[in-house]
C-alpha atoms as a PDB file:
ATOM      1  CA  MET A   1      -5.190  16.542   4.745  1.00  0.00           C
ATOM      2  CA  SER A   2      -2.235  18.317   5.485  1.00  0.00           C
ATOM      3  CA  LEU A   3      -2.016  21.943   6.572  1.00  0.00           C
ATOM      4  CA  GLU A   4      -0.958  23.368   3.239  1.00  0.00           C
ATOM      5  CA  GLU A   5      -3.748  21.421   1.412  1.00  0.00           C
ATOM      6  CA  ILE A   6      -6.582  23.081   3.500  1.00  0.00           C
ATOM      7  CA  GLY A   7      -5.226  26.794   2.729  1.00  0.00           C
ATOM      8  CA  THR A   8      -3.365  26.943   6.272  1.00  0.00           C
ATOM      9  CA  LYS A   9       0.375  28.373   6.791  1.00  0.00           C
ATOM     10  CA  ILE A  10       2.753  28.955   9.309  1.00  0.00           C
ATOM     11  CA  PHE A  11       5.055  31.830   8.868  1.00  0.00           C
ATOM     12  CA  ALA A  12       8.312  33.102  11.863  1.00  0.00           C
ATOM     13  CA  GLY A  13       8.834  35.898  12.924  1.00  0.00           C
ATOM     14  CA  SER A  14      12.777  36.591  13.530  1.00  0.00           C
ATOM     15  CA  SER A  15      12.536  35.852  17.167  1.00  0.00           C
ATOM     16  CA  SER A  16      10.831  32.409  17.166  1.00  0.00           C
ATOM     17  CA  HIS A  17      12.076  31.176  14.179  1.00  0.00           C
ATOM     18  CA  ASN A  18      13.447  27.769  15.872  1.00  0.00           C
ATOM     19  CA  PHE A  19       9.771  27.386  17.691  1.00  0.00           C
ATOM     20  CA  ALA A  20       7.835  27.564  14.711  1.00  0.00           C
ATOM     21  CA  LYS A  21      10.521  25.099  12.857  1.00  0.00           C
ATOM     22  CA  SER A  22       9.575  22.585  15.529  1.00  0.00           C
ATOM     23  CA  MET A  23       5.816  23.442  15.414  1.00  0.00           C
ATOM     24  CA  CYS A  24       6.212  23.016  11.435  1.00  0.00           C
ATOM     25  CA  ARG A  25       7.889  19.262  11.705  1.00  0.00           C
ATOM     26  CA  HIS A  26       5.024  18.384  14.723  1.00  0.00           C
ATOM     27  CA  LEU A  27       2.501  19.552  11.997  1.00  0.00           C
ATOM     28  CA  ASN A  28       4.439  17.682   9.379  1.00  0.00           C
ATOM     29  CA  THR A  29       4.512  20.982   7.072  1.00  0.00           C
ATOM     30  CA  GLU A  30       6.853  23.218   5.617  1.00  0.00           C
ATOM     31  CA  ILE A  31       7.279  26.696   7.250  1.00  0.00           C
ATOM     32  CA  GLY A  32       6.350  29.958   5.179  1.00  0.00           C
ATOM     33  CA  GLN A  33       8.950  31.948   3.125  1.00  0.00           C
ATOM     34  CA  SER A  34       9.517  35.170   4.776  1.00  0.00           C
ATOM     35  CA  GLN A  35      12.241  38.309   4.992  1.00  0.00           C
ATOM     36  CA  VAL A  36      12.804  40.131   7.676  1.00  0.00           C
ATOM     37  CA  ILE A  37      15.967  42.837   7.560  1.00  0.00           C
ATOM     38  CA  LYS A  38      17.108  45.289  10.276  1.00  0.00           C
ATOM     39  CA  PHE A  39      18.384  48.348   8.705  1.00  0.00           C
ATOM     40  CA  SER A  40      21.363  50.367  10.638  1.00  0.00           C
ATOM     41  CA  ASP A  41      18.734  52.576  12.204  1.00  0.00           C
ATOM     42  CA  GLY A  42      17.053  50.375  13.862  1.00  0.00           C
ATOM     43  CA  ASN A  43      13.836  50.358  11.653  1.00  0.00           C
ATOM     44  CA  THR A  44      12.414  46.924  10.525  1.00  0.00           C
ATOM     45  CA  PHE A  45      11.137  45.702   7.165  1.00  0.00           C
ATOM     46  CA  VAL A  46       9.294  42.442   6.965  1.00  0.00           C
ATOM     47  CA  LYS A  47       8.516  40.809   3.132  1.00  0.00           C
ATOM     48  CA  ILE A  48       6.216  37.504   2.378  1.00  0.00           C
ATOM     49  CA  LEU A  49       7.901  35.433  -0.099  1.00  0.00           C
ATOM     50  CA  GLU A  50       4.896  33.731  -1.111  1.00  0.00           C
ATOM     51  CA  LYS A  51       1.158  33.836  -1.908  1.00  0.00           C
ATOM     52  CA  VAL A  52      -1.175  33.632   0.746  1.00  0.00           C
ATOM     53  CA  ARG A  53      -4.045  35.171  -1.092  1.00  0.00           C
ATOM     54  CA  ASP A  54      -7.329  33.133   1.170  1.00  0.00           C
ATOM     55  CA  LYS A  55      -5.053  31.359   2.991  1.00  0.00           C
ATOM     56  CA  ASP A  56      -5.307  31.334   7.253  1.00  0.00           C
ATOM     57  CA  VAL A  57      -2.214  32.290   8.228  1.00  0.00           C
ATOM     58  CA  TYR A  58      -0.242  31.651  11.628  1.00  0.00           C
ATOM     59  CA  ILE A  59       2.453  34.149  12.743  1.00  0.00           C
ATOM     60  CA  VAL A  60       4.496  32.969  15.517  1.00  0.00           C
ATOM     61  CA  GLN A  61       6.742  35.398  17.525  1.00  0.00           C
ATOM     62  CA  SER A  62       7.189  35.858  20.965  1.00  0.00           C
ATOM     63  CA  ILE A  63       7.611  39.396  22.717  1.00  0.00           C
ATOM     64  CA  GLY A  64      10.636  38.022  25.068  1.00  0.00           C
ATOM     65  CA  LEU A  65      14.279  38.952  25.170  1.00  0.00           C
ATOM     66  CA  ASN A  66      13.637  42.434  22.929  1.00  0.00           C
ATOM     67  CA  PRO A  67      10.333  43.094  23.534  1.00  0.00           C
ATOM     68  CA  ASN A  68       9.874  46.890  22.130  1.00  0.00           C
ATOM     69  CA  ASP A  69      11.372  45.200  18.328  1.00  0.00           C
ATOM     70  CA  ASP A  70       9.894  41.845  19.016  1.00  0.00           C
ATOM     71  CA  PHE A  71       6.155  44.009  18.779  1.00  0.00           C
ATOM     72  CA  MET A  72       6.939  46.097  16.298  1.00  0.00           C
ATOM     73  CA  GLU A  73       7.823  43.065  14.026  1.00  0.00           C
ATOM     74  CA  LEU A  74       4.865  41.442  14.675  1.00  0.00           C
ATOM     75  CA  ILE A  75       2.630  44.309  13.792  1.00  0.00           C
ATOM     76  CA  PHE A  76       4.060  44.798  11.140  1.00  0.00           C
ATOM     77  CA  TRP A  77       3.692  40.839  10.412  1.00  0.00           C
ATOM     78  CA  ILE A  78       0.264  41.218  10.788  1.00  0.00           C
ATOM     79  CA  ASP A  79      -0.373  44.080   8.700  1.00  0.00           C
ATOM     80  CA  ALA A  80       1.569  42.666   5.454  1.00  0.00           C
ATOM     81  CA  PHE A  81      -0.399  39.407   5.502  1.00  0.00           C
ATOM     82  CA  LYS A  82      -3.531  41.231   5.667  1.00  0.00           C
ATOM     83  CA  ARG A  83      -2.233  43.765   3.126  1.00  0.00           C
ATOM     84  CA  SER A  84      -1.494  40.409   1.113  1.00  0.00           C
ATOM     85  CA  SER A  85      -5.189  39.222   1.090  1.00  0.00           C
ATOM     86  CA  ALA A  86      -4.928  36.402   3.643  1.00  0.00           C
ATOM     87  CA  ASN A  87      -8.400  34.918   4.612  1.00  0.00           C
ATOM     88  CA  SER A  88      -7.197  35.463   8.470  1.00  0.00           C
ATOM     89  CA  VAL A  89      -4.227  35.883  10.706  1.00  0.00           C
ATOM     90  CA  THR A  90      -3.497  34.206  13.827  1.00  0.00           C
ATOM     91  CA  ALA A  91      -0.725  35.628  16.072  1.00  0.00           C
ATOM     92  CA  ILE A  92       1.300  32.893  17.858  1.00  0.00           C
ATOM     93  CA  ILE A  93       2.583  35.060  20.596  1.00  0.00           C
ATOM     94  CA  PRO A  94       4.703  31.872  22.995  1.00  0.00           C
ATOM     95  CA  TYR A  95       5.627  34.884  25.407  1.00  0.00           C
ATOM     96  CA  PHE A  96       3.466  38.024  25.893  1.00  0.00           C
ATOM     97  CA  SER A  97       5.989  39.997  27.955  1.00  0.00           C
ATOM     98  CA  TYR A  98       3.545  43.374  28.414  1.00  0.00           C
ATOM     99  CA  ALA A  99       1.259  41.098  30.028  1.00  0.00           C
ATOM    100  CA  LYS A 100       3.217  42.052  33.161  1.00  0.00           C
ATOM    101  CA  GLY A 101       1.550  45.805  32.366  1.00  0.00           C
ATOM    102  CA  ASP A 102      -2.381  45.001  32.936  1.00  0.00           C
ATOM    103  CA  LYS A 103      -3.324  47.902  35.541  1.00  0.00           C
ATOM    104  CA  LYS A 104      -2.780  51.455  36.670  1.00  0.00           C
ATOM    105  CA  ASP A 105      -1.763  51.020  40.054  1.00  0.00           C
ATOM    106  CA  GLU A 106      -0.210  54.280  40.143  1.00  0.00           C
ATOM    107  CA  PRO A 107      -0.936  57.633  38.955  1.00  0.00           C
ATOM    108  CA  ARG A 108       0.405  58.876  35.170  1.00  0.00           C
ATOM    109  CA  VAL A 109       0.921  55.487  34.049  1.00  0.00           C
ATOM    110  CA  SER A 110       0.607  53.683  30.748  1.00  0.00           C
ATOM    111  CA  ILE A 111      -1.910  50.186  30.703  1.00  0.00           C
ATOM    112  CA  ARG A 112       0.816  49.114  28.775  1.00  0.00           C
ATOM    113  CA  ALA A 113      -1.112  45.191  27.773  1.00  0.00           C
ATOM    114  CA  ARG A 114      -4.074  47.488  26.802  1.00  0.00           C
ATOM    115  CA  VAL A 115      -2.327  49.295  24.456  1.00  0.00           C
ATOM    116  CA  CYS A 116      -0.814  46.677  23.176  1.00  0.00           C
ATOM    117  CA  ALA A 117      -3.875  44.682  22.783  1.00  0.00           C
ATOM    118  CA  ASP A 118      -5.644  47.705  20.573  1.00  0.00           C
ATOM    119  CA  CYS A 119      -2.244  47.664  18.383  1.00  0.00           C
ATOM    120  CA  LEU A 120      -2.529  43.928  17.455  1.00  0.00           C
ATOM    121  CA  GLU A 121      -6.056  44.273  16.790  1.00  0.00           C
ATOM    122  CA  ILE A 122      -5.925  47.666  14.715  1.00  0.00           C
ATOM    123  CA  ALA A 123      -3.481  46.006  12.480  1.00  0.00           C
ATOM    124  CA  GLY A 124      -5.620  43.333  11.863  1.00  0.00           C
ATOM    125  CA  VAL A 125      -4.841  40.217  13.855  1.00  0.00           C
ATOM    126  CA  ASP A 126      -7.900  37.766  14.100  1.00  0.00           C
ATOM    127  CA  ARG A 127      -7.036  35.843  16.943  1.00  0.00           C
ATOM    128  CA  ILE A 128      -3.768  34.754  19.597  1.00  0.00           C
ATOM    129  CA  ILE A 129      -2.884  31.857  20.947  1.00  0.00           C
ATOM    130  CA  THR A 130      -0.160  32.506  23.480  1.00  0.00           C
ATOM    131  CA  MET A 131       0.559  30.404  26.948  1.00  0.00           C
ATOM    132  CA  ASP A 132       0.919  31.332  30.899  1.00  0.00           C
ATOM    133  CA  LEU A 133       0.672  35.082  30.966  1.00  0.00           C
ATOM    134  CA  HIS A 134       1.467  36.914  33.973  1.00  0.00           C
ATOM    135  CA  SER A 135      -1.805  38.395  34.209  1.00  0.00           C
ATOM    136  CA  PRO A 136      -4.461  36.112  32.383  1.00  0.00           C
ATOM    137  CA  GLN A 137      -6.868  39.199  32.981  1.00  0.00           C
ATOM    138  CA  ILE A 138      -5.808  40.743  30.199  1.00  0.00           C
ATOM    139  CA  GLN A 139      -7.641  38.283  28.145  1.00  0.00           C
ATOM    140  CA  GLY A 140     -10.246  40.456  28.523  1.00  0.00           C
ATOM    141  CA  PHE A 141      -8.392  43.796  26.734  1.00  0.00           C
ATOM    142  CA  PHE A 142      -8.793  42.049  23.575  1.00  0.00           C
ATOM    143  CA  LYS A 143     -12.119  42.215  21.362  1.00  0.00           C
ATOM    144  CA  LYS A 144     -10.950  38.921  19.401  1.00  0.00           C
ATOM    145  CA  PRO A 145     -10.580  35.753  20.573  1.00  0.00           C
ATOM    146  CA  VAL A 146      -7.408  34.919  22.864  1.00  0.00           C
ATOM    147  CA  ASP A 147      -6.739  31.083  23.630  1.00  0.00           C
ATOM    148  CA  HIS A 148      -4.406  31.140  26.484  1.00  0.00           C
ATOM    149  CA  LEU A 149      -2.527  27.550  26.687  1.00  0.00           C
ATOM    150  CA  TYR A 150      -0.955  26.418  30.359  1.00  0.00           C
ATOM    151  CA  GLY A 151       2.588  25.040  30.412  1.00  0.00           C
ATOM    152  CA  MET A 152       2.458  23.601  33.530  1.00  0.00           C
ATOM    153  CA  PRO A 153       1.185  20.026  32.400  1.00  0.00           C
ATOM    154  CA  ILE A 154       4.066  19.787  30.083  1.00  0.00           C
ATOM    155  CA  LEU A 155       6.458  20.968  33.309  1.00  0.00           C
ATOM    156  CA  CYS A 156       4.890  18.566  35.102  1.00  0.00           C
ATOM    157  CA  GLY A 157       5.652  15.859  33.033  1.00  0.00           C
ATOM    158  CA  TYR A 158       9.118  16.406  33.174  1.00  0.00           C
ATOM    159  CA  ILE A 159       9.000  16.882  36.825  1.00  0.00           C
ATOM    160  CA  LYS A 160       7.138  13.618  37.372  1.00  0.00           C
ATOM    161  CA  SER A 161       9.778  11.383  35.194  1.00  0.00           C
ATOM    162  CA  LYS A 162      12.387  12.469  38.224  1.00  0.00           C
ATOM    163  CA  ASN A 163      10.733   9.936  40.584  1.00  0.00           C
ATOM    164  CA  ILE A 164      11.205  13.175  43.298  1.00  0.00           C
ATOM    165  CA  LYS A 165      10.081  12.268  46.870  1.00  0.00           C
ATOM    166  CA  ASN A 166       8.492  14.045  49.717  1.00  0.00           C
ATOM    167  CA  MET A 167       7.895  17.141  47.312  1.00  0.00           C
ATOM    168  CA  VAL A 168       6.811  20.340  48.481  1.00  0.00           C
ATOM    169  CA  ILE A 169       5.462  23.115  45.388  1.00  0.00           C
ATOM    170  CA  VAL A 170       6.892  26.770  46.557  1.00  0.00           C
ATOM    171  CA  SER A 171       5.335  29.824  45.211  1.00  0.00           C
ATOM    172  CA  PRO A 172       7.885  32.565  46.015  1.00  0.00           C
ATOM    173  CA  ASP A 173       4.914  34.871  46.543  1.00  0.00           C
ATOM    174  CA  VAL A 174       1.169  35.094  46.794  1.00  0.00           C
ATOM    175  CA  GLY A 175       0.811  36.409  43.722  1.00  0.00           C
ATOM    176  CA  PHE A 176       1.590  33.047  42.259  1.00  0.00           C
ATOM    177  CA  ALA A 177      -0.076  31.074  44.964  1.00  0.00           C
ATOM    178  CA  LYS A 178      -2.901  29.939  43.137  1.00  0.00           C
ATOM    179  CA  CYS A 179      -1.177  28.565  40.108  1.00  0.00           C
ATOM    180  CA  ALA A 180       1.118  26.523  42.848  1.00  0.00           C
ATOM    181  CA  ARG A 181      -1.312  25.327  44.042  1.00  0.00           C
ATOM    182  CA  ASN A 182      -2.439  23.370  40.603  1.00  0.00           C
ATOM    183  CA  TYR A 183       0.961  21.981  40.594  1.00  0.00           C
ATOM    184  CA  ALA A 184       0.877  20.861  44.097  1.00  0.00           C
ATOM    185  CA  THR A 185      -2.981  19.489  43.116  1.00  0.00           C
ATOM    186  CA  TYR A 186      -1.331  17.617  40.354  1.00  0.00           C
ATOM    187  CA  PHE A 187       1.225  15.672  42.776  1.00  0.00           C
ATOM    188  CA  ASN A 188      -0.994  15.608  45.458  1.00  0.00           C
ATOM    189  CA  THR A 189       1.479  17.584  48.019  1.00  0.00           C
ATOM    190  CA  SER A 190       1.941  20.448  49.612  1.00  0.00           C
ATOM    191  CA  VAL A 191       2.208  24.070  48.907  1.00  0.00           C
ATOM    192  CA  ALA A 192       4.762  26.730  51.069  1.00  0.00           C
ATOM    193  CA  ILE A 193       4.415  30.563  50.016  1.00  0.00           C
ATOM    194  CA  GLY A 194       7.347  33.211  50.511  1.00  0.00           C
ATOM    195  CA  ASP A 195       6.359  35.683  52.188  1.00  0.00           C
ATOM    196  CA  LYS A 196       8.268  38.725  49.429  1.00  0.00           C
ATOM    197  CA  THR A 197       8.494  42.337  49.305  1.00  0.00           C
ATOM    198  CA  ARG A 198       9.318  44.947  46.150  1.00  0.00           C
ATOM    199  CA  LEU A 199       9.938  48.422  46.814  1.00  0.00           C
ATOM    200  CA  CYS A 200       9.909  49.928  43.573  1.00  0.00           C
ATOM    201  CA  HIS A 201      10.576  49.182  39.521  1.00  0.00           C
ATOM    202  CA  ASP A 202      14.141  47.904  40.140  1.00  0.00           C
ATOM    203  CA  GLU A 203      13.178  44.098  39.331  1.00  0.00           C
ATOM    204  CA  LYS A 204      14.914  43.348  42.967  1.00  0.00           C
ATOM    205  CA  SER A 205      12.799  41.865  45.464  1.00  0.00           C
ATOM    206  CA  LYS A 206      13.377  40.772  48.904  1.00  0.00           C
ATOM    207  CA  VAL A 207      11.969  37.070  50.317  1.00  0.00           C
ATOM    208  CA  LEU A 208      11.659  37.457  53.603  1.00  0.00           C
ATOM    209  CA  GLY A 209      10.202  34.105  55.237  1.00  0.00           C
ATOM    210  CA  ILE A 210       8.239  30.989  54.063  1.00  0.00           C
ATOM    211  CA  ILE A 211       4.795  30.386  55.333  1.00  0.00           C
ATOM    212  CA  GLY A 212       4.381  26.304  55.245  1.00  0.00           C
ATOM    213  CA  GLU A 213       6.685  22.971  56.036  1.00  0.00           C
ATOM    214  CA  VAL A 214       9.808  22.083  54.022  1.00  0.00           C
ATOM    215  CA  LYS A 215      12.361  20.769  56.472  1.00  0.00           C
ATOM    216  CA  SER A 216      13.353  17.542  55.130  1.00  0.00           C
ATOM    217  CA  LYS A 217      11.501  18.066  51.674  1.00  0.00           C
ATOM    218  CA  THR A 218      12.029  18.430  48.273  1.00  0.00           C
ATOM    219  CA  ALA A 219      11.486  21.866  47.040  1.00  0.00           C
ATOM    220  CA  ILE A 220       9.906  23.054  43.920  1.00  0.00           C
ATOM    221  CA  ILE A 221       9.783  27.019  43.490  1.00  0.00           C
ATOM    222  CA  VAL A 222       7.416  27.601  40.503  1.00  0.00           C
ATOM    223  CA  ASP A 223       6.634  30.939  38.485  1.00  0.00           C
ATOM    224  CA  ASP A 224       5.922  32.636  35.208  1.00  0.00           C
ATOM    225  CA  PHE A 225       8.871  33.673  34.337  1.00  0.00           C
ATOM    226  CA  THR A 226      12.654  34.993  35.560  1.00  0.00           C
ATOM    227  CA  ILE A 227      15.277  37.491  34.487  1.00  0.00           C
ATOM    228  CA  SER A 228      17.645  37.905  37.476  1.00  0.00           C
ATOM    229  CA  CYS A 229      16.839  34.448  39.087  1.00  0.00           C
ATOM    230  CA  GLY A 230      17.068  37.091  42.182  1.00  0.00           C
ATOM    231  CA  THR A 231      13.798  35.829  43.856  1.00  0.00           C
ATOM    232  CA  PHE A 232      14.363  31.998  43.125  1.00  0.00           C
ATOM    233  CA  VAL A 233      17.663  32.659  44.486  1.00  0.00           C
ATOM    234  CA  ASP A 234      16.154  34.519  47.470  1.00  0.00           C
ATOM    235  CA  ALA A 235      13.352  32.189  47.794  1.00  0.00           C
ATOM    236  CA  ALA A 236      16.188  29.006  47.935  1.00  0.00           C
ATOM    237  CA  ARG A 237      18.332  30.714  50.867  1.00  0.00           C
ATOM    238  CA  VAL A 238      15.205  31.082  52.844  1.00  0.00           C
ATOM    239  CA  LEU A 239      14.044  27.533  51.892  1.00  0.00           C
ATOM    240  CA  LYS A 240      17.585  26.301  52.718  1.00  0.00           C
ATOM    241  CA  GLN A 241      17.384  28.106  56.241  1.00  0.00           C
ATOM    242  CA  ASN A 242      14.257  26.629  57.047  1.00  0.00           C
ATOM    243  CA  GLY A 243      15.771  23.181  56.305  1.00  0.00           C
ATOM    244  CA  ALA A 244      14.766  22.012  53.119  1.00  0.00           C
ATOM    245  CA  GLU A 245      16.902  19.116  51.538  1.00  0.00           C
ATOM    246  CA  ARG A 246      17.132  19.706  48.039  1.00  0.00           C
ATOM    247  CA  ILE A 247      15.475  22.751  45.852  1.00  0.00           C
ATOM    248  CA  LEU A 248      14.246  22.725  42.164  1.00  0.00           C
ATOM    249  CA  ALA A 249      12.731  25.460  40.205  1.00  0.00           C
ATOM    250  CA  CYS A 250       9.953  25.537  37.618  1.00  0.00           C
ATOM    251  CA  VAL A 251       9.393  28.534  35.468  1.00  0.00           C
ATOM    252  CA  SER A 252       7.481  28.829  32.045  1.00  0.00           C
ATOM    253  CA  HIS A 253       9.606  31.789  30.518  1.00  0.00           C
ATOM    254  CA  ALA A 254      13.491  31.580  30.814  1.00  0.00           C
ATOM    255  CA  LEU A 255      14.326  35.421  30.734  1.00  0.00           C
ATOM    256  CA  LEU A 256      17.560  34.880  32.270  1.00  0.00           C
ATOM    257  CA  THR A 257      20.252  37.354  31.801  1.00  0.00           C
ATOM    258  CA  GLU A 258      24.077  36.723  31.901  1.00  0.00           C
ATOM    259  CA  GLN A 259      23.844  37.941  35.712  1.00  0.00           C
ATOM    260  CA  GLY A 260      20.891  35.928  36.241  1.00  0.00           C
ATOM    261  CA  LEU A 261      22.716  33.023  35.055  1.00  0.00           C
ATOM    262  CA  VAL A 262      25.536  33.763  37.378  1.00  0.00           C
ATOM    263  CA  ALA A 263      23.280  33.630  40.086  1.00  0.00           C
ATOM    264  CA  LEU A 264      21.665  30.668  38.990  1.00  0.00           C
ATOM    265  CA  GLU A 265      25.425  28.959  39.057  1.00  0.00           C
ATOM    266  CA  ASN A 266      26.113  30.541  42.722  1.00  0.00           C
ATOM    267  CA  SER A 267      22.732  29.524  43.945  1.00  0.00           C
ATOM    268  CA  PRO A 268      21.497  26.407  46.016  1.00  0.00           C
ATOM    269  CA  ILE A 269      19.072  25.441  43.300  1.00  0.00           C
ATOM    270  CA  GLU A 270      20.283  21.767  41.440  1.00  0.00           C
ATOM    271  CA  GLU A 271      18.193  22.338  38.481  1.00  0.00           C
ATOM    272  CA  LEU A 272      15.869  25.242  36.912  1.00  0.00           C
ATOM    273  CA  ILE A 273      13.565  23.679  34.580  1.00  0.00           C
ATOM    274  CA  VAL A 274      12.553  25.894  31.750  1.00  0.00           C
ATOM    275  CA  THR A 275       9.939  25.808  28.541  1.00  0.00           C
ATOM    276  CA  ASP A 276      11.714  26.939  25.160  1.00  0.00           C
ATOM    277  CA  THR A 277       8.944  29.949  24.299  1.00  0.00           C
ATOM    278  CA  VAL A 278      11.668  32.377  24.637  1.00  0.00           C
ATOM    279  CA  GLU A 279      14.339  31.598  22.190  1.00  0.00           C
ATOM    280  CA  ASN A 280      17.590  32.448  25.353  1.00  0.00           C
ATOM    281  CA  THR A 281      20.046  30.463  23.589  1.00  0.00           C
ATOM    282  CA  LYS A 282      22.994  31.039  26.337  1.00  0.00           C
ATOM    283  CA  ALA A 283      20.117  30.077  29.146  1.00  0.00           C
ATOM    284  CA  PHE A 284      19.866  26.956  27.190  1.00  0.00           C
ATOM    285  CA  GLU A 285      23.190  26.056  26.928  1.00  0.00           C
ATOM    286  CA  HIS A 286      23.532  26.274  30.993  1.00  0.00           C
ATOM    287  CA  SER A 287      24.838  23.306  33.035  1.00  0.00           C
ATOM    288  CA  LYS A 288      21.878  23.744  35.427  1.00  0.00           C
ATOM    289  CA  ILE A 289      19.012  24.367  32.812  1.00  0.00           C
ATOM    290  CA  LYS A 290      16.915  21.821  31.759  1.00  0.00           C
ATOM    291  CA  VAL A 291      14.600  22.859  28.533  1.00  0.00           C
ATOM    292  CA  VAL A 292      11.463  21.304  28.124  1.00  0.00           C
ATOM    293  CA  SER A 293       9.632  21.771  24.811  1.00  0.00           C
ATOM    294  CA  VAL A 294       6.268  23.016  24.206  1.00  0.00           C
ATOM    295  CA  THR A 295       6.151  23.206  20.511  1.00  0.00           C
ATOM    296  CA  LYS A 296       3.954  20.379  20.409  1.00  0.00           C
ATOM    297  CA  LEU A 297       1.656  21.695  22.412  1.00  0.00           C
ATOM    298  CA  PHE A 298       1.033  24.929  20.100  1.00  0.00           C
ATOM    299  CA  ALA A 299       1.109  22.781  17.042  1.00  0.00           C
ATOM    300  CA  GLU A 300      -1.708  20.212  19.118  1.00  0.00           C
ATOM    301  CA  ALA A 301      -3.771  24.083  19.319  1.00  0.00           C
ATOM    302  CA  VAL A 302      -3.636  25.023  15.669  1.00  0.00           C
ATOM    303  CA  ASN A 303      -4.537  21.028  14.863  1.00  0.00           C
ATOM    304  CA  ILE A 304      -7.521  21.691  17.175  1.00  0.00           C
ATOM    305  CA  ILE A 305      -8.518  24.778  15.608  1.00  0.00           C
ATOM    306  CA  HIS A 306      -8.755  24.111  12.063  1.00  0.00           C
ATOM    307  CA  ASN A 307     -10.549  20.987  12.896  1.00  0.00           C
ATOM    308  CA  LYS A 308     -13.365  23.003  14.714  1.00  0.00           C
ATOM    309  CA  GLU A 309     -12.907  21.171  18.028  1.00  0.00           C
ATOM    310  CA  SER A 310     -12.718  22.442  21.414  1.00  0.00           C
ATOM    311  CA  LEU A 311      -9.057  23.690  22.757  1.00  0.00           C
ATOM    312  CA  SER A 312     -10.800  22.983  26.200  1.00  0.00           C
ATOM    313  CA  GLN A 313      -9.449  19.460  25.773  1.00  0.00           C
ATOM    314  CA  LEU A 314      -5.840  20.635  26.385  1.00  0.00           C
ATOM    315  CA  PHE A 315      -6.816  21.816  29.855  1.00  0.00           C
ATOM    316  CA  ASP A 316      -7.541  17.763  30.950  1.00  0.00           C
ATOM    317  CA  LEU A 317      -4.698  17.013  32.822  1.00  0.00           C
ATOM    318  CA  LYS A 318      -6.185  13.413  31.847  1.00  0.00           C
ATOM    319  CA  ASN A 319      -5.650  13.895  28.125  1.00  0.00           C
ATOM    320  CA  LYS A 320      -3.424  11.253  26.242  1.00  0.00           C
ATOM    321  CA  PHE A 321      -1.532  14.233  24.545  1.00  0.00           C
ATOM    322  CA  TYR A 322       0.263  14.676  27.976  1.00  0.00           C
ATOM    323  CA  GLU A 323       0.897  11.030  28.846  1.00  0.00           C
END
């Protein structure tokens, strides 16, 4: 039976329309009809253009390049579906920007991820599906189920196709070292870690050195997101100083600004591999950037949920899905 026949419908927010359409192609279903209007005063208006009564609705909306607008629009969509008597509303958030605001580590600051979680639940969300959270512990901020997918198998599949020899996986800092170890385990190779420091909130950091052997190797720098590409470029510089032969980079969420694209262009990084969780057209068109789609992964998650099966099968790297 098709998704529509079992009362399921997928809709797209304005930040993820192409992503949602690609999901629908994998699921052999039509995207839901909806409308978004941005008024001149900055207000957002959303409208569902078809019946959703008693249906299980999925709304796809990344909180990415315009996080405040994207988040408010998502809240309005959830409210609209609930007020239209949808049976359930699942928010598919390929990239959840405010996952970075996971703690109160200095006086008089907000725990932003917790506030976002509260807002989503008050609006009426029944489930969250997301990928590669910057701080996975924010799943604990929600009382509703959170399905946290991993882009690593998809990204590793592309890297594997390049048949790279003498590889080393590089984490730009200690914070991402555990995830870097997962990449290294997949390729049965070693890990190097950047000694990075950040003095304030201006998104500028400094890689002081590399811990680990990188001489004469192809270094793959891995991280969850990048904006200015500063850490990658800085790490690439230090890697070259330490004798790395080639340098590639791999990131789940491509938030690169024009400044970041210029930095990438002028860096020793040969290729930056990204997913399509954030619809960043300028980045996707850059000659050094390779986009690997994860829409099939999210589509498979929807299939599994509606077949009342376990999503844990998507965490098995030996699953035929990743072949």
